Amino acid sequence: MSLPPVLAGPRRRLMAALVLNGSSQAAIALSVGLLTHRLFVDLANPAPTTGVGSLAVAVLALVVLALAQLLLRGIERRDAERLGHDYIGELRQRLFRRLLSLSPRSAATRSRGGITLRLVGDLRALRMWISLGLARGVVCSLSTCGAVAALWLIDPWLSVTAACVSGLGIPLAAGLGRRVQPRVREARSLSGRLAASLTERVGALGLIQSNGQARRELRRLGRLHRRSADAAAAQALPLALLRASGDTIAALTGVAVLAVGAWRATQGHGDAGVVASSLVLVGLMLPGLRELGLALAHLQGASVARERIAEFAEFGRVIEDAPAGADPGAVDWRRADWTFEAVRLDTALHHVDARIPGDGLTALIGPNGAGKSSVLSLMARLCDPDEGEIRVAGRALASIPLRDLRRRIGLVSTQLSGEGAMLRGSLRYNLCYRAPRADAAAQAAVLVRCGLWERVQSLPRGLDTRVLEGGANFSPGERLRWSLARALLGRPAVLLVDETDAGLDHEACAVLDHVLDGFGGTVLIATQRWARVAGAKHVLALRDGRVAFEGRPSDFLSVDTRARSASRSG
């Protein structure tokens, strides 16, 4: 994924407005310089035609120009913020879209804290450079040019002095910026590690407490914090010097201009008007020169952030969608057979050949780590096989548009979705997440079907009850039932259920059995419960990522019984 250009679309108009703003401020600086010079010349050497009225007009003009510049600077700040936020908004959308296109396996290789830091912290650094560095730098550069032009018209020596002093300071500041960049990179990397560690530990509070490792984790956090603090301190001084470089350049420029102006006046090449106007113009130049140091400081953070964002934009394996406009085909999803042809996935599945018949229940059975959840992920295209192919009704699964495929499939799994089995928000929001337009009657029907109606009625706020992060205020069995209700409300033709390690109680098992018995379509349930086999149409048993058995439930139970008997006799 390529990063979007900064100046594209509406941002071009914003930059054009900023350039026009800077040009207007340059014209104001030029006018203020010339008016100030003229005013002081008239005051020092009044001509017979110079009256109070003309002086008053000049003063009024200076006041109007000052107010106009104040207004322009306010507009400049507004447009600069819009420019930065517009770019970051587009970039964040692109990054999140790519994140949504990754398989959960790929996304899991990065910590949630690290991902959040890039979507928030790194983008903020980039935004600040665009708003405070690039945009305001352009405006301040133009306004400074206006002040320098005014100095040239008043006295070319002053203009040359200002240009030379400020020009010599720029490469020095840029060199300091290059030296500070590695320290900024290290500080941001350690900050990311700290954020990732905190995110992980916050999600594992129960694990830490139950194992009595609170002190150990506090010590670990302390070590990470000290390393991060040391890195931040190491970059603080050079960054402060870089930020102050603009003030230093501005001060040196002002001193140099005043010194040359005073010297020229003593040599008879200037007057009080030149000195006074140079003071005013130096004052107008100071904001632009100060912004130089701030822009360079923001540039260092932005350069590191852009590197990290570019690296983030390329990581992981993308699930490629079917070409735009691809025909979903006339597939009878409720009755379509699924076939696995020499499918391999990492270390989870090893050249699996299998068939899952349509219009009925297939029990996918096997111990933990056998590859059951991987089969469900492949069928829902949460990942793609490394080798081999999956077909539905004879058609390659990868050729079916993702939107159409996932609309037909209902996935029920706390195992695959983890803490995301339920989202922050209301119960209604979670229930209707797949079908936001479902009416009250449809919601009530699915709640009754999943045995949740009485539970909802017992809650003071009903479906408006707030859900804690990850559904922490519900048991694992309840979370699975809510996931089941959410899937059914979307009216899928294929139901994929992962009940492995779901912690289902007797009531939840009964509800699930009832739903599966009444589902008119293809059902695949990953389970460790042998009781599921008897009610299945087809059995697929996995062991160590390979097919251990495929066929009728009666044959499987017969083979399994003989295997158990042989094991006991041995």
Protein backbone atom coordinates (compact mmCIF):
# COMPACT_ATOMS: atom_id res chain seq x y z
CA MET A 1 0.00 0.00 0.00
CA SER A 2 1.42 3.35 -1.02
CA LEU A 3 0.99 6.40 1.17
CA PRO A 4 -1.21 9.14 -0.33
CA PRO A 5 0.47 12.32 -1.59
CA VAL A 6 0.14 15.27 0.75
CA LEU A 7 -1.12 17.62 -1.96
CA ALA A 8 -3.98 15.78 -3.65
CA GLY A 9 -7.68 16.45 -4.07
CA PRO A 10 -9.10 19.17 -1.77
CA ARG A 11 -5.69 19.59 -0.11
CA ARG A 12 -4.43 21.29 -3.27
CA ARG A 13 -7.05 24.00 -2.80
CA LEU A 14 -6.09 24.34 0.87
CA MET A 15 -2.42 24.73 -0.04
CA ALA A 16 -3.33 27.23 -2.76
CA ALA A 17 -5.30 29.18 -0.14
CA LEU A 18 -2.28 29.07 2.19
CA VAL A 19 0.03 30.31 -0.56
CA LEU A 20 -2.41 33.14 -1.31
CA ASN A 21 -2.55 33.87 2.43
CA GLY A 22 1.24 33.97 2.65
CA SER A 23 1.44 36.22 -0.41
CA SER A 24 -1.09 38.57 1.18
CA GLN A 25 0.93 38.66 4.40
CA ALA A 26 4.04 39.36 2.32
CA ALA A 27 2.26 42.29 0.64
CA ILE A 28 1.20 43.57 4.08
CA ALA A 29 4.78 43.29 5.38
CA LEU A 30 6.04 45.18 2.34
CA SER A 31 3.39 47.87 2.77
CA VAL A 32 3.99 48.17 6.52
CA GLY A 33 7.74 48.56 5.95
CA LEU A 34 7.35 51.27 3.33
CA LEU A 35 4.63 53.11 5.26
CA THR A 36 6.67 53.01 8.47
CA HIS A 37 9.72 54.36 6.65
CA ARG A 38 7.68 57.12 5.03
CA LEU A 39 6.03 58.01 8.34
CA PHE A 40 9.29 58.36 10.25
CA VAL A 41 10.90 60.32 7.42
CA ASP A 42 7.97 62.77 7.48
CA LEU A 43 8.16 63.05 11.25
CA ALA A 44 11.93 63.62 11.22
CA ASN A 45 11.88 66.01 8.27
CA PRO A 46 8.41 67.49 7.96
CA ALA A 47 7.66 69.07 4.62
CA PRO A 48 5.46 72.15 4.29
CA THR A 49 2.78 70.02 2.66
CA THR A 50 2.83 67.41 5.40
CA GLY A 51 -0.11 67.89 7.67
CA VAL A 52 -1.69 66.17 10.60
CA GLY A 53 -4.29 64.65 8.31
CA SER A 54 -1.77 62.85 6.12
CA LEU A 55 0.05 61.50 9.17
CA ALA A 56 -3.24 60.34 10.65
CA VAL A 57 -4.09 58.54 7.39
CA ALA A 58 -0.70 56.79 7.47
CA VAL A 59 -1.22 55.69 11.09
CA LEU A 60 -4.75 54.49 10.30
CA ALA A 61 -3.43 52.54 7.32
CA LEU A 62 -0.87 50.84 9.56
CA VAL A 63 -3.62 49.90 12.03
CA VAL A 64 -5.79 48.46 9.24
CA LEU A 65 -2.84 46.49 7.86
CA ALA A 66 -2.06 45.13 11.34
CA LEU A 67 -5.69 44.02 11.80
CA ALA A 68 -5.70 42.48 8.32
CA GLN A 69 -2.55 40.54 9.14
CA LEU A 70 -4.10 39.33 12.42
CA LEU A 71 -7.14 38.06 10.48
CA LEU A 72 -4.94 36.38 7.88
CA ARG A 73 -2.95 34.59 10.57
CA GLY A 74 -6.17 33.24 12.09
CA ILE A 75 -7.30 31.97 8.67
CA GLU A 76 -3.81 30.51 8.17
CA ARG A 77 -4.06 28.49 11.41
CA ARG A 78 -7.49 27.20 10.41
CA ASP A 79 -6.44 26.12 6.91
CA ALA A 80 -3.20 24.58 8.20
CA GLU A 81 -5.15 22.45 10.70
CA ARG A 82 -7.60 21.41 7.98
CA LEU A 83 -4.72 20.42 5.70
CA GLY A 84 -3.11 18.23 8.37
CA HIS A 85 -6.36 16.62 9.52
CA ASP A 86 -7.56 15.95 5.96
CA TYR A 87 -4.34 14.15 5.06
CA ILE A 88 -4.25 12.13 8.28
CA GLY A 89 -7.93 11.25 7.89
CA GLU A 90 -7.30 9.79 4.44
CA LEU A 91 -4.14 8.00 5.56
CA ARG A 92 -5.83 6.52 8.65
CA GLN A 93 -8.69 5.26 6.45
CA ARG A 94 -6.20 3.59 4.10
CA LEU A 95 -4.27 1.98 6.93
CA PHE A 96 -7.42 0.72 8.63
CA ARG A 97 -8.76 -0.59 5.30
CA ARG A 98 -5.54 -2.54 4.84
CA LEU A 99 -5.74 -3.80 8.42
CA LEU A 100 -9.26 -5.06 7.71
CA SER A 101 -7.98 -6.86 4.59
CA LEU A 102 -5.37 -8.83 6.55
CA SER A 103 -5.95 -12.28 7.86
CA PRO A 104 -6.30 -12.47 11.67
CA ARG A 105 -3.12 -14.58 11.67
CA SER A 106 -1.16 -11.75 10.03
CA ALA A 107 -2.69 -9.09 12.26
CA ALA A 108 -1.83 -11.16 15.33
CA THR A 109 1.89 -10.83 14.54
CA ARG A 110 1.66 -7.22 15.69
CA SER A 111 0.66 -6.17 19.16
CA ARG A 112 -2.51 -4.17 19.56
CA GLY A 113 -0.52 -1.48 21.35
CA GLY A 114 1.90 -1.19 18.42
CA ILE A 115 -0.95 -0.99 15.91
CA THR A 116 -2.74 1.65 17.99
CA LEU A 117 0.45 3.69 18.32
CA ARG A 118 0.81 3.82 14.54
CA LEU A 119 -2.86 4.66 13.94
CA VAL A 120 -2.77 7.39 16.59
CA GLY A 121 0.70 8.46 17.78
CA ASP A 122 2.67 8.25 14.53
CA LEU A 123 -0.14 9.84 12.57
CA ARG A 124 -0.31 12.67 15.11
CA ALA A 125 3.41 13.37 14.59
CA LEU A 126 2.85 13.43 10.83
CA ARG A 127 -0.16 15.73 11.20
CA MET A 128 1.76 18.18 13.36
CA TRP A 129 4.49 18.47 10.75
CA ILE A 130 1.98 19.08 7.95
CA SER A 131 0.01 21.65 9.96
CA LEU A 132 2.79 23.33 11.94
CA GLY A 133 5.76 22.59 9.73
CA LEU A 134 4.82 22.43 6.06
CA ALA A 135 1.73 24.65 5.90
CA ARG A 136 2.82 27.36 8.31
CA GLY A 137 6.39 27.14 7.01
CA VAL A 138 5.17 28.05 3.51
CA VAL A 139 3.14 31.00 4.80
CA CYS A 140 5.88 32.28 7.10
CA SER A 141 8.48 31.96 4.34
CA LEU A 142 6.37 34.09 2.01
CA SER A 143 5.67 36.74 4.65
CA THR A 144 9.38 36.85 5.52
CA CYS A 145 10.18 37.37 1.85
CA GLY A 146 7.84 40.37 1.90
CA ALA A 147 9.71 41.86 4.85
CA VAL A 148 13.06 41.25 3.14
CA ALA A 149 11.73 42.89 -0.03
CA ALA A 150 10.70 45.93 1.99
CA LEU A 151 14.19 46.11 3.47
CA TRP A 152 15.63 45.98 -0.04
CA LEU A 153 13.56 48.96 -1.13
CA ILE A 154 14.53 50.91 1.99
CA ASP A 155 18.20 49.90 2.01
CA PRO A 156 19.61 46.96 -0.01
CA TRP A 157 22.37 46.50 2.54
CA LEU A 158 19.80 45.64 5.21
CA SER A 159 18.08 43.13 2.94
CA VAL A 160 21.36 41.41 2.05
CA THR A 161 22.29 41.28 5.73
CA ALA A 162 18.97 39.68 6.69
CA ALA A 163 19.15 37.13 3.87
CA CYS A 164 22.75 36.16 4.61
CA VAL A 165 22.40 35.75 8.38
CA SER A 166 19.15 33.77 8.17
CA GLY A 167 20.47 31.78 5.21
CA LEU A 168 23.60 30.71 7.12
CA GLY A 169 21.46 29.51 10.02
CA ILE A 170 19.30 27.18 7.93
CA PRO A 171 22.00 24.58 7.04
CA LEU A 172 23.22 24.60 10.65
CA ALA A 173 19.71 23.85 11.88
CA ALA A 174 19.25 21.17 9.20
CA GLY A 175 22.50 19.49 10.27
CA LEU A 176 21.34 19.44 13.87
CA GLY A 177 18.08 17.89 12.69
CA ARG A 178 19.89 15.01 10.96
CA ARG A 179 21.86 14.29 14.13
CA VAL A 180 18.77 14.18 16.34
CA GLN A 181 16.76 11.87 14.04
CA PRO A 182 18.28 8.54 15.30
CA ARG A 183 17.47 9.54 18.88
CA VAL A 184 13.90 10.37 17.91
CA ARG A 185 13.61 6.98 16.17
CA GLU A 186 14.88 5.12 19.26
CA ALA A 187 12.59 7.06 21.59
CA ARG A 188 9.54 6.35 19.46
CA SER A 189 10.44 2.65 19.16
CA LEU A 190 10.74 2.28 22.94
CA SER A 191 7.51 4.22 23.40
CA GLY A 192 5.82 1.72 21.08
CA ARG A 193 7.19 -1.23 23.06
CA LEU A 194 5.96 0.34 26.28
CA ALA A 195 2.48 0.90 24.82
CA ALA A 196 2.35 -2.67 23.47
CA SER A 197 3.41 -4.11 26.81
CA LEU A 198 0.84 -2.07 28.73
CA THR A 199 -1.95 -3.08 26.33
CA GLU A 200 -1.06 -6.75 26.65
CA ARG A 201 -0.78 -6.63 30.45
CA VAL A 202 -4.04 -4.77 30.89
CA GLY A 203 -5.76 -7.55 28.93
CA ALA A 204 -4.12 -10.18 31.17
CA LEU A 205 -4.81 -8.73 34.64
CA GLY A 206 -6.50 -11.93 35.79
CA LEU A 207 -3.55 -14.05 34.63
CA ILE A 208 -1.06 -11.80 36.44
CA GLN A 209 -3.07 -11.70 39.67
CA SER A 210 -3.93 -15.39 39.78
CA ASN A 211 -0.26 -16.34 39.34
CA GLY A 212 1.00 -13.89 41.95
CA GLN A 213 3.22 -12.01 39.50
CA ALA A 214 2.15 -8.45 40.27
CA ARG A 215 5.57 -7.42 41.65
CA ARG A 216 7.37 -9.01 38.73
CA GLU A 217 5.23 -7.14 36.22
CA LEU A 218 5.70 -3.87 38.11
CA ARG A 219 9.48 -4.35 37.95
CA ARG A 220 9.27 -5.16 34.26
CA LEU A 221 7.14 -2.08 33.63
CA GLY A 222 9.61 0.01 35.62
CA ARG A 223 12.53 -1.20 33.48
CA LEU A 224 10.67 -0.43 30.25
CA HIS A 225 9.65 2.97 31.56
CA ARG A 226 13.22 3.85 32.52
CA ARG A 227 14.52 2.85 29.10
CA SER A 228 11.79 4.88 27.42
CA ALA A 229 12.45 7.84 29.74
CA ASP A 230 16.19 7.67 29.06
CA ALA A 231 15.58 7.67 25.31
CA ALA A 232 13.16 10.58 25.64
CA ALA A 233 15.70 12.49 27.74
CA ALA A 234 18.46 11.77 25.21
CA GLN A 235 16.42 13.41 22.46
CA ALA A 236 15.16 16.27 24.63
CA LEU A 237 18.28 18.46 24.53
CA PRO A 238 18.98 18.27 20.76
CA LEU A 239 15.25 18.72 20.05
CA ALA A 240 15.14 21.75 22.34
CA LEU A 241 18.19 23.17 20.57
CA LEU A 242 16.53 22.50 17.23
CA ARG A 243 13.33 24.25 18.31
CA ALA A 244 15.37 27.14 19.72
CA SER A 245 17.42 27.42 16.52
CA GLY A 246 14.64 29.46 14.93
CA ASP A 247 14.66 31.93 17.82
CA THR A 248 18.46 32.11 17.63
CA ILE A 249 18.43 32.77 13.89
CA ALA A 250 15.70 35.38 14.35
CA ALA A 251 17.64 37.13 17.14
CA LEU A 252 20.90 37.13 15.17
CA THR A 253 19.12 38.43 12.09
CA GLY A 254 17.50 41.22 14.07
CA VAL A 255 20.78 42.23 15.75
CA ALA A 256 22.63 42.12 12.44
CA VAL A 257 20.01 44.25 10.63
CA LEU A 258 19.91 46.84 13.41
CA ALA A 259 23.70 46.94 13.65
CA VAL A 260 24.13 47.45 9.91
CA GLY A 261 21.30 50.00 9.86
CA ALA A 262 22.85 52.00 12.71
CA TRP A 263 26.28 51.84 11.09
CA ARG A 264 24.87 52.96 7.76
CA ALA A 265 23.14 55.88 9.51
CA THR A 266 26.41 57.00 11.12
CA GLN A 267 28.01 56.90 7.68
CA GLY A 268 25.37 59.18 6.29
CA HIS A 269 23.66 56.46 4.24
CA GLY A 270 20.54 56.27 6.35
CA ASP A 271 18.32 58.13 8.73
CA ALA A 272 15.98 57.55 11.66
CA GLY A 273 13.29 56.33 9.27
CA VAL A 274 15.53 53.51 8.05
CA VAL A 275 16.36 52.39 11.58
CA ALA A 276 12.74 52.60 12.74
CA SER A 277 11.33 50.77 9.76
CA SER A 278 14.02 48.10 10.04
CA LEU A 279 12.92 47.53 13.65
CA VAL A 280 9.33 47.03 12.49
CA LEU A 281 10.34 44.73 9.65
CA VAL A 282 12.58 42.64 11.86
CA GLY A 283 9.58 42.23 14.15
CA LEU A 284 7.55 40.99 11.18
CA MET A 285 10.33 38.57 10.21
CA LEU A 286 10.69 37.05 13.67
CA PRO A 287 7.58 34.75 13.54
CA GLY A 288 8.70 33.24 10.25
CA LEU A 289 12.24 32.62 11.45
CA ARG A 290 10.98 31.10 14.72
CA GLU A 291 8.71 28.75 12.75
CA LEU A 292 11.83 27.47 10.98
CA GLY A 293 13.13 25.79 14.11
CA LEU A 294 9.72 24.37 15.02
CA ALA A 295 9.26 23.07 11.46
CA LEU A 296 12.61 21.29 11.55
CA ALA A 297 11.82 19.75 14.94
CA HIS A 298 8.45 18.49 13.69
CA LEU A 299 10.15 17.23 10.53
CA GLN A 300 12.35 14.85 12.54
CA GLY A 301 9.37 13.31 14.30
CA ALA A 302 7.44 13.17 11.02
CA SER A 303 10.32 11.47 9.17
CA VAL A 304 10.50 8.70 11.77
CA ALA A 305 6.70 8.41 11.86
CA ARG A 306 6.52 8.16 8.06
CA GLU A 307 9.10 5.35 8.06
CA ARG A 308 7.12 3.43 10.68
CA ILE A 309 3.82 4.01 8.89
CA ALA A 310 5.28 2.92 5.53
CA GLU A 311 6.62 -0.26 7.13
CA PHE A 312 3.26 -0.89 8.81
CA ALA A 313 1.44 -0.39 5.50
CA GLU A 314 3.35 -3.30 3.94
CA PHE A 315 3.31 -5.91 6.70
CA GLY A 316 1.14 -9.00 6.73
CA ARG A 317 -0.66 -11.04 4.13
CA VAL A 318 -3.63 -9.44 2.43
CA ILE A 319 -6.77 -11.42 1.60
CA GLU A 320 -7.27 -10.55 -2.04
CA ASP A 321 -10.85 -9.93 -3.09
CA ALA A 322 -12.28 -11.11 -6.37
CA PRO A 323 -11.92 -8.62 -9.24
CA ALA A 324 -14.37 -5.74 -9.18
CA GLY A 325 -17.61 -6.65 -10.88
CA ALA A 326 -17.02 -10.39 -10.54
CA ASP A 327 -20.18 -12.45 -10.86
CA PRO A 328 -21.04 -14.17 -7.56
CA GLY A 329 -22.55 -16.98 -9.56
CA ALA A 330 -25.75 -18.94 -9.12
CA VAL A 331 -24.66 -20.97 -6.10
CA ASP A 332 -27.27 -22.69 -3.99
CA TRP A 333 -25.44 -21.91 -0.78
CA ARG A 334 -27.71 -23.92 1.49
CA ARG A 335 -27.07 -27.12 -0.45
CA ALA A 336 -23.64 -26.54 -1.96
CA ASP A 337 -20.83 -28.99 -1.20
CA TRP A 338 -17.45 -27.69 -0.05
CA THR A 339 -14.24 -29.41 -1.11
CA PHE A 340 -10.68 -29.04 0.17
CA GLU A 341 -8.05 -29.97 -2.43
CA ALA A 342 -4.54 -30.52 -1.00
CA VAL A 343 -4.94 -27.54 1.33
CA ARG A 344 -1.94 -26.50 3.43
CA LEU A 345 -1.91 -23.63 5.95
CA ASP A 346 1.28 -22.84 7.88
CA THR A 347 1.78 -25.61 10.42
CA ALA A 348 -1.96 -25.98 11.12
CA LEU A 349 -3.07 -28.03 8.09
CA HIS A 350 -1.03 -30.42 5.95
CA HIS A 351 -2.40 -31.09 2.45
CA VAL A 352 -5.96 -31.72 3.55
CA ASP A 353 -8.33 -33.36 1.09
CA ALA A 354 -11.90 -33.34 2.37
CA ARG A 355 -15.54 -32.80 1.46
CA ILE A 356 -18.18 -31.02 3.52
CA PRO A 357 -21.64 -31.86 2.17
CA GLY A 358 -24.29 -29.17 1.90
CA ASP A 359 -27.72 -29.06 3.55
CA GLY A 360 -26.89 -30.76 6.82
CA LEU A 361 -24.65 -30.89 9.87
CA THR A 362 -20.99 -31.86 9.60
CA ALA A 363 -19.15 -32.52 12.84
CA LEU A 364 -15.53 -31.37 12.68
CA ILE A 365 -13.94 -33.25 15.54
CA GLY A 366 -10.46 -33.50 16.94
CA PRO A 367 -8.25 -32.56 19.89
CA ASN A 368 -6.87 -29.10 20.56
CA GLY A 369 -4.38 -28.07 17.89
CA ALA A 370 -5.80 -30.45 15.31
CA GLY A 371 -6.62 -27.61 12.90
CA LYS A 372 -10.39 -27.27 13.39
CA SER A 373 -10.44 -23.49 13.82
CA SER A 374 -8.17 -23.18 10.77
CA VAL A 375 -10.76 -24.99 8.64
CA LEU A 376 -13.45 -22.51 9.76
CA SER A 377 -11.15 -19.56 9.08
CA LEU A 378 -10.44 -20.82 5.56
CA MET A 379 -14.12 -21.31 4.76
CA ALA A 380 -14.95 -17.77 5.94
CA ARG A 381 -11.85 -16.52 4.09
CA LEU A 382 -10.33 -15.01 7.20
CA CYS A 383 -7.18 -16.46 5.68
CA ASP A 384 -6.18 -18.17 2.46
CA PRO A 385 -4.33 -21.46 2.09
CA ASP A 386 -0.61 -21.46 1.39
CA GLU A 387 -1.17 -24.31 -1.04
CA GLY A 388 -4.18 -26.03 -2.52
CA GLU A 389 -7.67 -24.74 -3.21
CA ILE A 390 -11.11 -24.64 -1.62
CA ARG A 391 -14.20 -24.96 -3.80
CA VAL A 392 -17.88 -24.43 -3.14
CA ALA A 393 -20.30 -25.99 -5.62
CA GLY A 394 -17.28 -26.61 -7.84
CA ARG A 395 -16.32 -22.95 -7.92
CA ALA A 396 -13.04 -21.63 -6.49
CA LEU A 397 -13.75 -19.87 -3.22
CA ALA A 398 -11.24 -17.10 -4.04
CA SER A 399 -13.26 -16.18 -7.15
CA ILE A 400 -16.33 -15.26 -5.13
CA PRO A 401 -16.54 -11.60 -3.99
CA LEU A 402 -15.82 -11.35 -0.27
CA ARG A 403 -18.90 -9.24 0.39
CA ASP A 404 -21.15 -11.86 -1.17
CA LEU A 405 -19.36 -14.76 0.52
CA ARG A 406 -19.47 -13.30 4.02
CA ARG A 407 -23.09 -12.30 3.59
CA ARG A 408 -23.89 -15.97 3.06
CA ILE A 409 -21.78 -17.27 5.96
CA GLY A 410 -22.51 -16.90 9.66
CA LEU A 411 -19.45 -17.48 11.85
CA VAL A 412 -20.02 -18.18 15.53
CA SER A 413 -16.79 -18.36 17.46
CA THR A 414 -15.37 -16.83 20.60
CA GLN A 415 -12.19 -18.72 19.73
CA LEU A 416 -11.61 -16.87 16.44
CA SER A 417 -12.91 -13.47 17.46
CA GLY A 418 -11.34 -13.53 20.95
CA GLU A 419 -12.10 -10.45 22.96
CA GLY A 420 -13.89 -9.05 19.95
CA ALA A 421 -16.76 -11.52 20.36
CA MET A 422 -18.71 -8.56 21.73
CA LEU A 423 -18.02 -4.89 21.11
CA ARG A 424 -18.38 -1.88 23.37
CA GLY A 425 -21.84 -0.44 23.02
CA SER A 426 -25.34 -1.66 23.74
CA LEU A 427 -26.65 -5.19 23.49
CA ARG A 428 -28.84 -3.99 20.60
CA TYR A 429 -25.77 -2.69 18.77
CA ASN A 430 -24.07 -6.07 19.17
CA LEU A 431 -27.17 -8.02 18.18
CA CYS A 432 -27.78 -5.95 15.03
CA TYR A 433 -24.12 -5.53 14.07
CA ARG A 434 -24.50 -7.86 11.07
CA ALA A 435 -28.03 -6.69 10.19
CA PRO A 436 -28.42 -3.05 11.34
CA ARG A 437 -31.82 -2.69 9.65
CA ALA A 438 -33.44 -5.68 11.36
CA ASP A 439 -36.82 -4.76 12.84
CA ALA A 440 -37.96 -5.36 16.43
CA ALA A 441 -39.93 -8.49 15.51
CA ALA A 442 -36.89 -10.14 13.90
CA GLN A 443 -34.75 -9.20 16.91
CA ALA A 444 -37.27 -10.66 19.34
CA ALA A 445 -37.59 -13.88 17.30
CA VAL A 446 -33.86 -14.55 17.26
CA LEU A 447 -33.54 -13.74 20.98
CA VAL A 448 -36.23 -16.31 21.76
CA ARG A 449 -34.57 -18.84 19.47
CA CYS A 450 -31.22 -18.41 21.21
CA GLY A 451 -32.67 -18.49 24.72
CA LEU A 452 -31.78 -14.87 25.43
CA TRP A 453 -35.22 -13.32 25.65
CA GLU A 454 -35.73 -13.87 29.38
CA ARG A 455 -32.18 -12.73 30.07
CA VAL A 456 -32.80 -9.46 28.21
CA GLN A 457 -36.13 -8.94 29.99
CA SER A 458 -34.41 -9.32 33.36
CA LEU A 459 -32.01 -6.48 32.63
CA PRO A 460 -33.17 -3.01 33.79
CA ARG A 461 -32.31 -1.43 30.44
CA GLY A 462 -33.05 -4.44 28.25
CA LEU A 463 -31.29 -4.29 24.89
CA ASP A 464 -29.94 -0.86 25.83
CA THR A 465 -27.70 -2.46 28.48
CA ARG A 466 -24.07 -1.41 27.96
CA VAL A 467 -21.52 -4.09 27.07
CA LEU A 468 -18.09 -3.86 28.67
CA GLU A 469 -14.92 -4.33 26.62
CA GLY A 470 -14.80 -7.84 25.21
CA GLY A 471 -18.20 -8.64 26.76
CA ALA A 472 -16.59 -8.95 30.19
CA ASN A 473 -20.00 -8.64 31.90
CA PHE A 474 -21.15 -11.88 30.24
CA SER A 475 -19.99 -15.48 30.65
CA PRO A 476 -18.24 -17.37 27.79
CA GLY A 477 -21.41 -19.35 27.19
CA GLU A 478 -23.50 -16.17 27.02
CA ARG A 479 -21.03 -14.55 24.65
CA LEU A 480 -21.30 -17.53 22.34
CA ARG A 481 -25.12 -17.31 22.43
CA TRP A 482 -25.00 -13.61 21.61
CA SER A 483 -22.62 -14.38 18.74
CA LEU A 484 -25.07 -17.05 17.57
CA ALA A 485 -27.98 -14.59 17.73
CA ARG A 486 -25.99 -11.99 15.82
CA ALA A 487 -25.16 -14.51 13.08
CA LEU A 488 -28.74 -15.79 12.77
CA LEU A 489 -30.19 -12.28 12.53
CA GLY A 490 -28.20 -11.90 9.30
CA ARG A 491 -29.98 -14.97 7.83
CA PRO A 492 -26.91 -16.89 6.64
CA ALA A 493 -27.13 -19.93 4.39
CA VAL A 494 -23.99 -21.52 5.89
CA LEU A 495 -23.37 -21.64 9.64
CA LEU A 496 -19.87 -22.20 11.01
CA VAL A 497 -19.70 -22.82 14.76
CA ASP A 498 -16.62 -23.23 16.92
CA GLU A 499 -17.67 -24.49 20.33
CA THR A 500 -14.18 -25.74 21.27
CA ASP A 501 -13.19 -24.49 24.71
CA ALA A 502 -16.22 -22.22 24.75
CA GLY A 503 -17.03 -23.03 28.36
CA LEU A 504 -20.64 -23.84 27.51
CA ASP A 505 -23.00 -24.65 30.34
CA HIS A 506 -25.88 -27.13 30.02
CA GLU A 507 -28.37 -24.42 29.02
CA ALA A 508 -26.08 -23.03 26.34
CA CYS A 509 -25.50 -26.52 24.90
CA ALA A 510 -29.25 -27.13 24.79
CA VAL A 511 -29.84 -23.82 23.01
CA LEU A 512 -27.11 -24.56 20.49
CA ASP A 513 -28.52 -28.04 19.81
CA HIS A 514 -31.98 -26.54 19.24
CA VAL A 515 -30.65 -23.94 16.80
CA LEU A 516 -28.57 -26.44 14.86
CA ASP A 517 -31.46 -28.88 14.55
CA GLY A 518 -33.71 -26.17 13.11
CA PHE A 519 -31.18 -24.55 10.78
CA GLY A 520 -32.09 -25.07 7.13
CA GLY A 521 -28.76 -25.02 5.40
CA THR A 522 -25.14 -26.15 5.70
CA VAL A 523 -23.70 -26.37 9.21
CA LEU A 524 -20.13 -27.14 10.21
CA ILE A 525 -19.42 -27.33 13.92
CA ALA A 526 -15.93 -27.71 15.35
CA THR A 527 -16.21 -29.66 18.56
CA GLN A 528 -14.59 -32.05 20.97
CA ARG A 529 -17.91 -33.46 22.15
CA TRP A 530 -18.56 -36.97 20.88
CA ALA A 531 -22.29 -36.45 21.45
CA ARG A 532 -22.28 -34.14 18.43
CA VAL A 533 -21.29 -36.98 16.14
CA ALA A 534 -24.51 -38.96 16.57
CA GLY A 535 -26.67 -36.10 15.27
CA ALA A 536 -24.41 -35.24 12.36
CA LYS A 537 -24.85 -36.03 8.68
CA HIS A 538 -21.12 -36.22 8.07
CA VAL A 539 -17.99 -36.48 10.23
CA LEU A 540 -14.57 -35.01 9.52
CA ALA A 541 -11.94 -35.90 12.12
CA LEU A 542 -8.60 -34.10 12.23
CA ARG A 543 -5.42 -34.97 14.03
CA ASP A 544 -2.18 -32.97 13.84
CA GLY A 545 -3.48 -31.02 10.85
CA ARG A 546 -4.34 -34.12 8.81
CA VAL A 547 -7.57 -35.95 8.04
CA ALA A 548 -7.85 -38.90 10.40
CA PHE A 549 -11.36 -39.91 9.33
CA GLU A 550 -14.05 -38.78 6.92
CA GLY A 551 -17.41 -40.43 6.45
CA ARG A 552 -20.66 -41.38 8.16
CA PRO A 553 -21.14 -40.93 11.90
CA SER A 554 -21.92 -44.62 12.40
CA ASP A 555 -18.65 -45.65 10.78
CA PHE A 556 -16.72 -43.11 12.84
CA LEU A 557 -18.26 -44.27 16.11
CA SER A 558 -17.52 -47.88 15.19
CA VAL A 559 -13.90 -47.12 14.36
CA ASP A 560 -13.48 -44.96 17.46
CA THR A 561 -14.99 -47.64 19.69
CA ARG A 562 -12.57 -50.25 18.36
CA ALA A 563 -9.65 -47.83 18.78
CA ARG A 564 -10.58 -47.14 22.39
CA SER A 565 -10.96 -50.84 23.14
CA ALA A 566 -7.57 -51.62 21.64
CA SER A 567 -6.03 -48.80 23.66
CA ARG A 568 -7.47 -50.12 26.91
CA SER A 569 -6.40 -53.70 26.17
CA GLY A 570 -2.91 -52.55 25.31
